[in-house]
Amino acid sequence: MLKERKLSPSNTVTPAKHLYIMYAPLFVNLGVAAVALYLALNTPEEIVRVAAGFVAVLCSFLTLFFAPWPVKLLLLLLPFAIGKLRRPRSLSGKVES
């Protein structure tokens, strides 16, 4: 017959462990992307600059993959908020020439 297994406190996932598991890959990729971007902007070697730029772009896309949905939603809404801030106040439909 099947035995019942009781969960010990070490098998449970606490909220702190959950945040660590969720955000660790995000911050690792952001760190690698930041270092690669620094190398791409500050190195005199052309091959290193191209390779670092490629790594920076790749890690940026991976960061979007690992980001939790509130961060993705914030990144999606950010261009709309910036566009709303830059829009002129008087939009009456008249075109000034």
PDB file of N, CA and C in Angstrom:
ATOM      1  N   MET A   1       0.829  -1.176   0.000  1.00  0.00           N
ATOM      2  CA  MET A   1       0.000   0.000   0.000  1.00  0.00           C
ATOM      3  C   MET A   1       0.879   1.247   0.000  1.00  0.00           C
ATOM      4  N   LEU A   2       0.292   2.337  -0.412  1.00  0.00           N
ATOM      5  CA  LEU A   2       1.011   3.603  -0.462  1.00  0.00           C
ATOM      6  C   LEU A   2       1.112   4.218   0.918  1.00  0.00           C
ATOM      7  N   LYS A   3       2.289   4.680   1.218  1.00  0.00           N
ATOM      8  CA  LYS A   3       2.491   5.360   2.497  1.00  0.00           C
ATOM      9  C   LYS A   3       2.297   6.854   2.300  1.00  0.00           C
ATOM     10  N   GLU A   4       1.725   7.475   3.279  1.00  0.00           N
ATOM     11  CA  GLU A   4       1.560   8.917   3.221  1.00  0.00           C
ATOM     12  C   GLU A   4       2.854   9.583   3.640  1.00  0.00           C
ATOM     13  N   ARG A   5       3.240  10.572   2.868  1.00  0.00           N
ATOM     14  CA  ARG A   5       4.447  11.310   3.201  1.00  0.00           C
ATOM     15  C   ARG A   5       4.058  12.667   3.751  1.00  0.00           C
ATOM     16  N   LYS A   6       4.620  12.994   4.868  1.00  0.00           N
ATOM     17  CA  LYS A   6       4.352  14.289   5.463  1.00  0.00           C
ATOM     18  C   LYS A   6       5.450  15.254   5.024  1.00  0.00           C
ATOM     19  N   LEU A   7       5.040  16.455   4.711  1.00  0.00           N
ATOM     20  CA  LEU A   7       6.005  17.463   4.307  1.00  0.00           C
ATOM     21  C   LEU A   7       6.691  18.034   5.539  1.00  0.00           C
ATOM     22  N   SER A   8       7.973  18.036   5.493  1.00  0.00           N
ATOM     23  CA  SER A   8       8.724  18.671   6.571  1.00  0.00           C
ATOM     24  C   SER A   8       8.865  20.156   6.261  1.00  0.00           C
ATOM     25  N   PRO A   9       9.155  20.960   7.258  1.00  0.00           N
ATOM     26  CA  PRO A   9       9.295  22.399   7.000  1.00  0.00           C
ATOM     27  C   PRO A   9      10.412  22.733   6.004  1.00  0.00           C
ATOM     28  N   SER A  10      11.382  21.860   5.840  1.00  0.00           N
ATOM     29  CA  SER A  10      12.459  22.148   4.886  1.00  0.00           C
ATOM     30  C   SER A  10      12.014  21.947   3.444  1.00  0.00           C
ATOM     31  N   ASN A  11      10.915  21.229   3.214  1.00  0.00           N
ATOM     32  CA  ASN A  11      10.428  20.998   1.857  1.00  0.00           C
ATOM     33  C   ASN A  11       9.506  22.103   1.360  1.00  0.00           C
ATOM     34  N   THR A  12       9.067  22.975   2.221  1.00  0.00           N
ATOM     35  CA  THR A  12       8.157  24.025   1.800  1.00  0.00           C
ATOM     36  C   THR A  12       8.947  25.198   1.238  1.00  0.00           C
ATOM     37  N   VAL A  13       8.307  25.917   0.349  1.00  0.00           N
ATOM     38  CA  VAL A  13       8.934  27.080  -0.269  1.00  0.00           C
ATOM     39  C   VAL A  13       8.377  28.325   0.414  1.00  0.00           C
ATOM     40  N   THR A  14       9.236  29.042   1.095  1.00  0.00           N
ATOM     41  CA  THR A  14       8.827  30.276   1.758  1.00  0.00           C
ATOM     42  C   THR A  14       8.784  31.400   0.734  1.00  0.00           C
ATOM     43  N   PRO A  15       8.099  32.494   1.056  1.00  0.00           N
ATOM     44  CA  PRO A  15       8.069  33.617   0.106  1.00  0.00           C
ATOM     45  C   PRO A  15       9.455  34.162  -0.228  1.00  0.00           C
ATOM     46  N   ALA A  16      10.356  34.148   0.734  1.00  0.00           N
ATOM     47  CA  ALA A  16      11.708  34.642   0.452  1.00  0.00           C
ATOM     48  C   ALA A  16      12.422  33.730  -0.537  1.00  0.00           C
ATOM     49  N   LYS A  17      12.272  32.411  -0.369  1.00  0.00           N
ATOM     50  CA  LYS A  17      12.879  31.473  -1.311  1.00  0.00           C
ATOM     51  C   LYS A  17      12.262  31.627  -2.692  1.00  0.00           C
ATOM     52  N   HIS A  18      10.949  31.868  -2.726  1.00  0.00           N
ATOM     53  CA  HIS A  18      10.254  32.029  -4.001  1.00  0.00           C
ATOM     54  C   HIS A  18      10.788  33.245  -4.752  1.00  0.00           C
ATOM     55  N   LEU A  19      10.983  34.362  -4.054  1.00  0.00           N
ATOM     56  CA  LEU A  19      11.517  35.557  -4.707  1.00  0.00           C
ATOM     57  C   LEU A  19      12.939  35.332  -5.176  1.00  0.00           C
ATOM     58  N   TYR A  20      13.741  34.621  -4.376  1.00  0.00           N
ATOM     59  CA  TYR A  20      15.116  34.346  -4.772  1.00  0.00           C
ATOM     60  C   TYR A  20      15.151  33.485  -6.023  1.00  0.00           C
ATOM     61  N   ILE A  21      14.310  32.469  -6.071  1.00  0.00           N
ATOM     62  CA  ILE A  21      14.263  31.575  -7.229  1.00  0.00           C
ATOM     63  C   ILE A  21      13.766  32.327  -8.462  1.00  0.00           C
ATOM     64  N   MET A  22      12.830  33.245  -8.261  1.00  0.00           N
ATOM     65  CA  MET A  22      12.242  33.953  -9.391  1.00  0.00           C
ATOM     66  C   MET A  22      13.164  35.045  -9.934  1.00  0.00           C
ATOM     67  N   TYR A  23      13.852  35.772  -9.064  1.00  0.00           N
ATOM     68  CA  TYR A  23      14.632  36.914  -9.505  1.00  0.00           C
ATOM     69  C   TYR A  23      16.108  36.620  -9.758  1.00  0.00           C
ATOM     70  N   ALA A  24      16.624  35.489  -9.315  1.00  0.00           N
ATOM     71  CA  ALA A  24      18.050  35.189  -9.502  1.00  0.00           C
ATOM     72  C   ALA A  24      18.451  35.153 -10.979  1.00  0.00           C
ATOM     73  N   PRO A  25      17.753  34.411 -11.848  1.00  0.00           N
ATOM     74  CA  PRO A  25      18.147  34.421 -13.267  1.00  0.00           C
ATOM     75  C   PRO A  25      18.002  35.801 -13.909  1.00  0.00           C
ATOM     76  N   LEU A  26      17.021  36.566 -13.459  1.00  0.00           N
ATOM     77  CA  LEU A  26      16.813  37.908 -13.995  1.00  0.00           C
ATOM     78  C   LEU A  26      18.026  38.786 -13.706  1.00  0.00           C
ATOM     79  N   PHE A  27      18.493  38.795 -12.461  1.00  0.00           N
ATOM     80  CA  PHE A  27      19.615  39.664 -12.099  1.00  0.00           C
ATOM     81  C   PHE A  27      20.940  39.159 -12.648  1.00  0.00           C
ATOM     82  N   VAL A  28      21.086  37.852 -12.795  1.00  0.00           N
ATOM     83  CA  VAL A  28      22.310  37.322 -13.410  1.00  0.00           C
ATOM     84  C   VAL A  28      22.399  37.782 -14.864  1.00  0.00           C
ATOM     85  N   ASN A  29      21.296  37.669 -15.590  1.00  0.00           N
ATOM     86  CA  ASN A  29      21.285  38.113 -16.990  1.00  0.00           C
ATOM     87  C   ASN A  29      21.467  39.620 -17.110  1.00  0.00           C
ATOM     88  N   LEU A  30      20.865  40.377 -16.210  1.00  0.00           N
ATOM     89  CA  LEU A  30      21.064  41.824 -16.247  1.00  0.00           C
ATOM     90  C   LEU A  30      22.518  42.187 -15.982  1.00  0.00           C
ATOM     91  N   GLY A  31      23.153  41.469 -15.065  1.00  0.00           N
ATOM     92  CA  GLY A  31      24.565  41.722 -14.779  1.00  0.00           C
ATOM     93  C   GLY A  31      25.459  41.404 -15.961  1.00  0.00           C
ATOM     94  N   VAL A  32      25.218  40.268 -16.599  1.00  0.00           N
ATOM     95  CA  VAL A  32      26.013  39.890 -17.782  1.00  0.00           C
ATOM     96  C   VAL A  32      25.776  40.878 -18.911  1.00  0.00           C
ATOM     97  N   ALA A  33      24.535  41.304 -19.095  1.00  0.00           N
ATOM     98  CA  ALA A  33      24.235  42.284 -20.150  1.00  0.00           C
ATOM     99  C   ALA A  33      24.914  43.620 -19.862  1.00  0.00           C
ATOM    100  N   ALA A  34      24.949  44.028 -18.603  1.00  0.00           N
ATOM    101  CA  ALA A  34      25.592  45.296 -18.256  1.00  0.00           C
ATOM    102  C   ALA A  34      27.098  45.243 -18.496  1.00  0.00           C
ATOM    103  N   VAL A  35      27.734  44.137 -18.118  1.00  0.00           N
ATOM    104  CA  VAL A  35      29.176  43.994 -18.349  1.00  0.00           C
ATOM    105  C   VAL A  35      29.471  43.944 -19.848  1.00  0.00           C
ATOM    106  N   ALA A  36      28.653  43.214 -20.602  1.00  0.00           N
ATOM    107  CA  ALA A  36      28.864  43.133 -22.051  1.00  0.00           C
ATOM    108  C   ALA A  36      28.653  44.492 -22.712  1.00  0.00           C
ATOM    109  N   LEU A  37      27.668  45.244 -22.256  1.00  0.00           N
ATOM    110  CA  LEU A  37      27.446  46.577 -22.805  1.00  0.00           C
ATOM    111  C   LEU A  37      28.620  47.503 -22.479  1.00  0.00           C
ATOM    112  N   TYR A  38      29.146  47.409 -21.271  1.00  0.00           N
ATOM    113  CA  TYR A  38      30.313  48.214 -20.899  1.00  0.00           C
ATOM    114  C   TYR A  38      31.502  47.874 -21.807  1.00  0.00           C
ATOM    115  N   LEU A  39      31.718  46.577 -22.034  1.00  0.00           N
ATOM    116  CA  LEU A  39      32.809  46.170 -22.922  1.00  0.00           C
ATOM    117  C   LEU A  39      32.578  46.648 -24.352  1.00  0.00           C
ATOM    118  N   ALA A  40      31.341  46.553 -24.807  1.00  0.00           N
ATOM    119  CA  ALA A  40      31.040  46.958 -26.174  1.00  0.00           C
ATOM    120  C   ALA A  40      31.274  48.456 -26.382  1.00  0.00           C
ATOM    121  N   LEU A  41      31.053  49.242 -25.352  1.00  0.00           N
ATOM    122  CA  LEU A  41      31.214  50.687 -25.495  1.00  0.00           C
ATOM    123  C   LEU A  41      32.637  51.172 -25.233  1.00  0.00           C
ATOM    124  N   ASN A  42      33.415  50.417 -24.465  1.00  0.00           N
ATOM    125  CA  ASN A  42      34.713  50.929 -24.019  1.00  0.00           C
ATOM    126  C   ASN A  42      35.932  50.176 -24.544  1.00  0.00           C
ATOM    127  N   THR A  43      35.768  49.157 -25.342  1.00  0.00           N
ATOM    128  CA  THR A  43      36.929  48.427 -25.828  1.00  0.00           C
ATOM    129  C   THR A  43      37.371  48.967 -27.188  1.00  0.00           C
ATOM    130  N   PRO A  44      38.675  49.017 -27.433  1.00  0.00           N
ATOM    131  CA  PRO A  44      39.143  49.491 -28.739  1.00  0.00           C
ATOM    132  C   PRO A  44      39.133  48.393 -29.811  1.00  0.00           C
ATOM    133  N   GLU A  45      39.033  47.139 -29.400  1.00  0.00           N
ATOM    134  CA  GLU A  45      39.058  46.017 -30.351  1.00  0.00           C
ATOM    135  C   GLU A  45      37.691  45.846 -31.002  1.00  0.00           C
ATOM    136  N   GLU A  46      37.693  45.735 -32.338  1.00  0.00           N
ATOM    137  CA  GLU A  46      36.430  45.649 -33.065  1.00  0.00           C
ATOM    138  C   GLU A  46      35.720  44.317 -32.854  1.00  0.00           C
ATOM    139  N   ILE A  47      36.462  43.216 -32.848  1.00  0.00           N
ATOM    140  CA  ILE A  47      35.851  41.900 -32.679  1.00  0.00           C
ATOM    141  C   ILE A  47      35.243  41.758 -31.284  1.00  0.00           C
ATOM    142  N   VAL A  48      35.954  42.245 -30.285  1.00  0.00           N
ATOM    143  CA  VAL A  48      35.428  42.201 -28.917  1.00  0.00           C
ATOM    144  C   VAL A  48      34.188  43.071 -28.807  1.00  0.00           C
ATOM    145  N   ARG A  49      34.182  44.220 -29.484  1.00  0.00           N
ATOM    146  CA  ARG A  49      33.030  45.118 -29.454  1.00  0.00           C
ATOM    147  C   ARG A  49      31.802  44.443 -30.069  1.00  0.00           C
ATOM    148  N   VAL A  50      31.979  43.776 -31.190  1.00  0.00           N
ATOM    149  CA  VAL A  50      30.848  43.110 -31.857  1.00  0.00           C
ATOM    150  C   VAL A  50      30.344  41.939 -31.015  1.00  0.00           C
ATOM    151  N   ALA A  51      31.264  41.137 -30.492  1.00  0.00           N
ATOM    152  CA  ALA A  51      30.875  39.992 -29.672  1.00  0.00           C
ATOM    153  C   ALA A  51      30.171  40.444 -28.393  1.00  0.00           C
ATOM    154  N   ALA A  52      30.693  41.488 -27.759  1.00  0.00           N
ATOM    155  CA  ALA A  52      30.069  41.985 -26.535  1.00  0.00           C
ATOM    156  C   ALA A  52      28.696  42.583 -26.827  1.00  0.00           C
ATOM    157  N   GLY A  53      28.548  43.242 -27.957  1.00  0.00           N
ATOM    158  CA  GLY A  53      27.241  43.767 -28.337  1.00  0.00           C
ATOM    159  C   GLY A  53      26.232  42.661 -28.570  1.00  0.00           C
ATOM    160  N   PHE A  54      26.677  41.586 -29.224  1.00  0.00           N
ATOM    161  CA  PHE A  54      25.795  40.439 -29.439  1.00  0.00           C
ATOM    162  C   PHE A  54      25.376  39.816 -28.111  1.00  0.00           C
ATOM    163  N   VAL A  55      26.329  39.648 -27.200  1.00  0.00           N
ATOM    164  CA  VAL A  55      26.018  39.076 -25.882  1.00  0.00           C
ATOM    165  C   VAL A  55      25.073  39.991 -25.111  1.00  0.00           C
ATOM    166  N   ALA A  56      25.274  41.294 -25.215  1.00  0.00           N
ATOM    167  CA  ALA A  56      24.400  42.241 -24.516  1.00  0.00           C
ATOM    168  C   ALA A  56      22.970  42.154 -25.033  1.00  0.00           C
ATOM    169  N   VAL A  57      22.802  42.077 -26.340  1.00  0.00           N
ATOM    170  CA  VAL A  57      21.453  41.967 -26.911  1.00  0.00           C
ATOM    171  C   VAL A  57      20.814  40.637 -26.536  1.00  0.00           C
ATOM    172  N   LEU A  58      21.572  39.555 -26.621  1.00  0.00           N
ATOM    173  CA  LEU A  58      21.049  38.236 -26.267  1.00  0.00           C
ATOM    174  C   LEU A  58      20.631  38.183 -24.799  1.00  0.00           C
ATOM    175  N   CYS A  59      21.460  38.713 -23.915  1.00  0.00           N
ATOM    176  CA  CYS A  59      21.125  38.705 -22.493  1.00  0.00           C
ATOM    177  C   CYS A  59      19.943  39.618 -22.191  1.00  0.00           C
ATOM    178  N   SER A  60      19.785  40.686 -22.950  1.00  0.00           N
ATOM    179  CA  SER A  60      18.630  41.557 -22.754  1.00  0.00           C
ATOM    180  C   SER A  60      17.336  40.822 -23.093  1.00  0.00           C
ATOM    181  N   PHE A  61      17.347  40.048 -24.181  1.00  0.00           N
ATOM    182  CA  PHE A  61      16.160  39.266 -24.514  1.00  0.00           C
ATOM    183  C   PHE A  61      15.913  38.157 -23.494  1.00  0.00           C
ATOM    184  N   LEU A  62      16.978  37.535 -23.002  1.00  0.00           N
ATOM    185  CA  LEU A  62      16.808  36.516 -21.965  1.00  0.00           C
ATOM    186  C   LEU A  62      16.283  37.127 -20.671  1.00  0.00           C
ATOM    187  N   THR A  63      16.669  38.347 -20.388  1.00  0.00           N
ATOM    188  CA  THR A  63      16.157  39.029 -19.206  1.00  0.00           C
ATOM    189  C   THR A  63      14.655  39.225 -19.325  1.00  0.00           C
ATOM    190  N   LEU A  64      14.182  39.571 -20.509  1.00  0.00           N
ATOM    191  CA  LEU A  64      12.735  39.688 -20.708  1.00  0.00           C
ATOM    192  C   LEU A  64      12.036  38.346 -20.544  1.00  0.00           C
ATOM    193  N   PHE A  65      12.707  37.271 -20.917  1.00  0.00           N
ATOM    194  CA  PHE A  65      12.129  35.941 -20.754  1.00  0.00           C
ATOM    195  C   PHE A  65      12.021  35.580 -19.270  1.00  0.00           C
ATOM    196  N   PHE A  66      13.036  35.897 -18.484  1.00  0.00           N
ATOM    197  CA  PHE A  66      13.055  35.529 -17.070  1.00  0.00           C
ATOM    198  C   PHE A  66      12.304  36.505 -16.177  1.00  0.00           C
ATOM    199  N   ALA A  67      11.931  37.659 -16.689  1.00  0.00           N
ATOM    200  CA  ALA A  67      11.264  38.661 -15.865  1.00  0.00           C
ATOM    201  C   ALA A  67       9.858  38.200 -15.497  1.00  0.00           C
ATOM    202  N   PRO A  68       9.421  38.491 -14.278  1.00  0.00           N
ATOM    203  CA  PRO A  68       8.039  38.163 -13.899  1.00  0.00           C
ATOM    204  C   PRO A  68       7.056  39.065 -14.645  1.00  0.00           C
ATOM    205  N   TRP A  69       5.808  38.665 -14.687  1.00  0.00           N
ATOM    206  CA  TRP A  69       4.842  39.378 -15.516  1.00  0.00           C
ATOM    207  C   TRP A  69       4.622  40.824 -15.098  1.00  0.00           C
ATOM    208  N   PRO A  70       4.712  41.222 -13.813  1.00  0.00           N
ATOM    209  CA  PRO A  70       4.554  42.660 -13.527  1.00  0.00           C
ATOM    210  C   PRO A  70       5.656  43.514 -14.167  1.00  0.00           C
ATOM    211  N   VAL A  71       6.871  42.989 -14.235  1.00  0.00           N
ATOM    212  CA  VAL A  71       7.966  43.723 -14.867  1.00  0.00           C
ATOM    213  C   VAL A  71       7.724  43.815 -16.372  1.00  0.00           C
ATOM    214  N   LYS A  72       7.256  42.743 -16.975  1.00  0.00           N
ATOM    215  CA  LYS A  72       6.940  42.764 -18.408  1.00  0.00           C
ATOM    216  C   LYS A  72       5.814  43.753 -18.704  1.00  0.00           C
ATOM    217  N   LEU A  73       4.806  43.792 -17.829  1.00  0.00           N
ATOM    218  CA  LEU A  73       3.705  44.730 -18.006  1.00  0.00           C
ATOM    219  C   LEU A  73       4.184  46.170 -17.872  1.00  0.00           C
ATOM    220  N   LEU A  74       5.080  46.416 -16.924  1.00  0.00           N
ATOM    221  CA  LEU A  74       5.644  47.751 -16.764  1.00  0.00           C
ATOM    222  C   LEU A  74       6.433  48.171 -18.006  1.00  0.00           C
ATOM    223  N   LEU A  75       7.225  47.250 -18.565  1.00  0.00           N
ATOM    224  CA  LEU A  75       7.987  47.554 -19.773  1.00  0.00           C
ATOM    225  C   LEU A  75       7.069  47.774 -20.974  1.00  0.00           C
ATOM    226  N   LEU A  76       5.932  47.102 -20.994  1.00  0.00           N
ATOM    227  CA  LEU A  76       4.977  47.281 -22.079  1.00  0.00           C
ATOM    228  C   LEU A  76       4.272  48.629 -21.988  1.00  0.00           C
ATOM    229  N   LEU A  77       3.966  49.076 -20.776  1.00  0.00           N
ATOM    230  CA  LEU A  77       3.247  50.331 -20.590  1.00  0.00           C
ATOM    231  C   LEU A  77       4.149  51.558 -20.581  1.00  0.00           C
ATOM    232  N   LEU A  78       5.440  51.371 -20.433  1.00  0.00           N
ATOM    233  CA  LEU A  78       6.375  52.487 -20.355  1.00  0.00           C
ATOM    234  C   LEU A  78       6.372  53.373 -21.611  1.00  0.00           C
ATOM    235  N   PRO A  79       6.395  52.824 -22.836  1.00  0.00           N
ATOM    236  CA  PRO A  79       6.351  53.714 -24.018  1.00  0.00           C
ATOM    237  C   PRO A  79       5.068  54.536 -24.101  1.00  0.00           C
ATOM    238  N   PHE A  80       3.937  53.970 -23.647  1.00  0.00           N
ATOM    239  CA  PHE A  80       2.687  54.727 -23.670  1.00  0.00           C
ATOM    240  C   PHE A  80       2.726  55.882 -22.682  1.00  0.00           C
ATOM    241  N   ALA A  81       3.309  55.650 -21.511  1.00  0.00           N
ATOM    242  CA  ALA A  81       3.410  56.716 -20.511  1.00  0.00           C
ATOM    243  C   ALA A  81       4.355  57.816 -20.983  1.00  0.00           C
ATOM    244  N   ILE A  82       5.456  57.440 -21.615  1.00  0.00           N
ATOM    245  CA  ILE A  82       6.392  58.439 -22.119  1.00  0.00           C
ATOM    246  C   ILE A  82       5.749  59.237 -23.252  1.00  0.00           C
ATOM    247  N   GLY A  83       5.024  58.550 -24.126  1.00  0.00           N
ATOM    248  CA  GLY A  83       4.336  59.240 -25.220  1.00  0.00           C
ATOM    249  C   GLY A  83       3.278  60.201 -24.708  1.00  0.00           C
ATOM    250  N   LYS A  84       2.604  59.830 -23.644  1.00  0.00           N
ATOM    251  CA  LYS A  84       1.588  60.706 -23.075  1.00  0.00           C
ATOM    252  C   LYS A  84       2.229  61.927 -22.426  1.00  0.00           C
ATOM    253  N   LEU A  85       3.413  61.769 -21.853  1.00  0.00           N
ATOM    254  CA  LEU A  85       4.094  62.899 -21.239  1.00  0.00           C
ATOM    255  C   LEU A  85       4.645  63.868 -22.284  1.00  0.00           C
ATOM    256  N   ARG A  86       5.038  63.375 -23.431  1.00  0.00           N
ATOM    257  CA  ARG A  86       5.625  64.221 -24.471  1.00  0.00           C
ATOM    258  C   ARG A  86       4.581  64.898 -25.351  1.00  0.00           C
ATOM    259  N   ARG A  87       3.349  64.439 -25.308  1.00  0.00           N
ATOM    260  CA  ARG A  87       2.296  64.986 -26.160  1.00  0.00           C
ATOM    261  C   ARG A  87       1.984  66.423 -25.740  1.00  0.00           C
ATOM    262  N   PRO A  88       1.798  67.314 -26.705  1.00  0.00           N
ATOM    263  CA  PRO A  88       1.442  68.690 -26.349  1.00  0.00           C
ATOM    264  C   PRO A  88       0.078  68.740 -25.672  1.00  0.00           C
ATOM    265  N   ARG A  89      -0.115  69.742 -24.831  1.00  0.00           N
ATOM    266  CA  ARG A  89      -1.350  69.849 -24.054  1.00  0.00           C
ATOM    267  C   ARG A  89      -2.564  70.192 -24.920  1.00  0.00           C
ATOM    268  N   SER A  90      -2.395  71.032 -25.922  1.00  0.00           N
ATOM    269  CA  SER A  90      -3.544  71.467 -26.717  1.00  0.00           C
ATOM    270  C   SER A  90      -3.597  70.681 -28.020  1.00  0.00           C
ATOM    271  N   LEU A  91      -4.470  69.724 -28.064  1.00  0.00           N
ATOM    272  CA  LEU A  91      -4.698  68.946 -29.292  1.00  0.00           C
ATOM    273  C   LEU A  91      -6.131  69.207 -29.744  1.00  0.00           C
ATOM    274  N   SER A  92      -6.338  70.311 -30.396  1.00  0.00           N
ATOM    275  CA  SER A  92      -7.687  70.664 -30.814  1.00  0.00           C
ATOM    276  C   SER A  92      -8.014  70.162 -32.216  1.00  0.00           C
ATOM    277  N   GLY A  93      -7.069  69.516 -32.866  1.00  0.00           N
ATOM    278  CA  GLY A  93      -7.320  69.018 -34.199  1.00  0.00           C
ATOM    279  C   GLY A  93      -6.882  69.966 -35.280  1.00  0.00           C
ATOM    280  N   LYS A  94      -6.473  71.174 -34.923  1.00  0.00           N
ATOM    281  CA  LYS A  94      -6.037  72.153 -35.912  1.00  0.00           C
ATOM    282  C   LYS A  94      -4.549  71.964 -36.158  1.00  0.00           C
ATOM    283  N   VAL A  95      -4.183  72.056 -37.411  1.00  0.00           N
ATOM    284  CA  VAL A  95      -2.779  71.932 -37.779  1.00  0.00           C
ATOM    285  C   VAL A  95      -2.233  73.334 -37.977  1.00  0.00           C
ATOM    286  N   GLU A  96      -1.203  73.638 -37.225  1.00  0.00           N
ATOM    287  CA  GLU A  96      -0.601  74.959 -37.342  1.00  0.00           C
ATOM    288  C   GLU A  96       0.453  74.930 -38.457  1.00  0.00           C
ATOM    289  N   SER A  97       0.468  75.989 -39.261  1.00  0.00           N
ATOM    290  CA  SER A  97       1.446  76.043 -40.332  1.00  0.00           C
ATOM    291  C   SER A  97       2.371  77.220 -40.191  1.00  0.00           C
TER     292      SER A  97
END
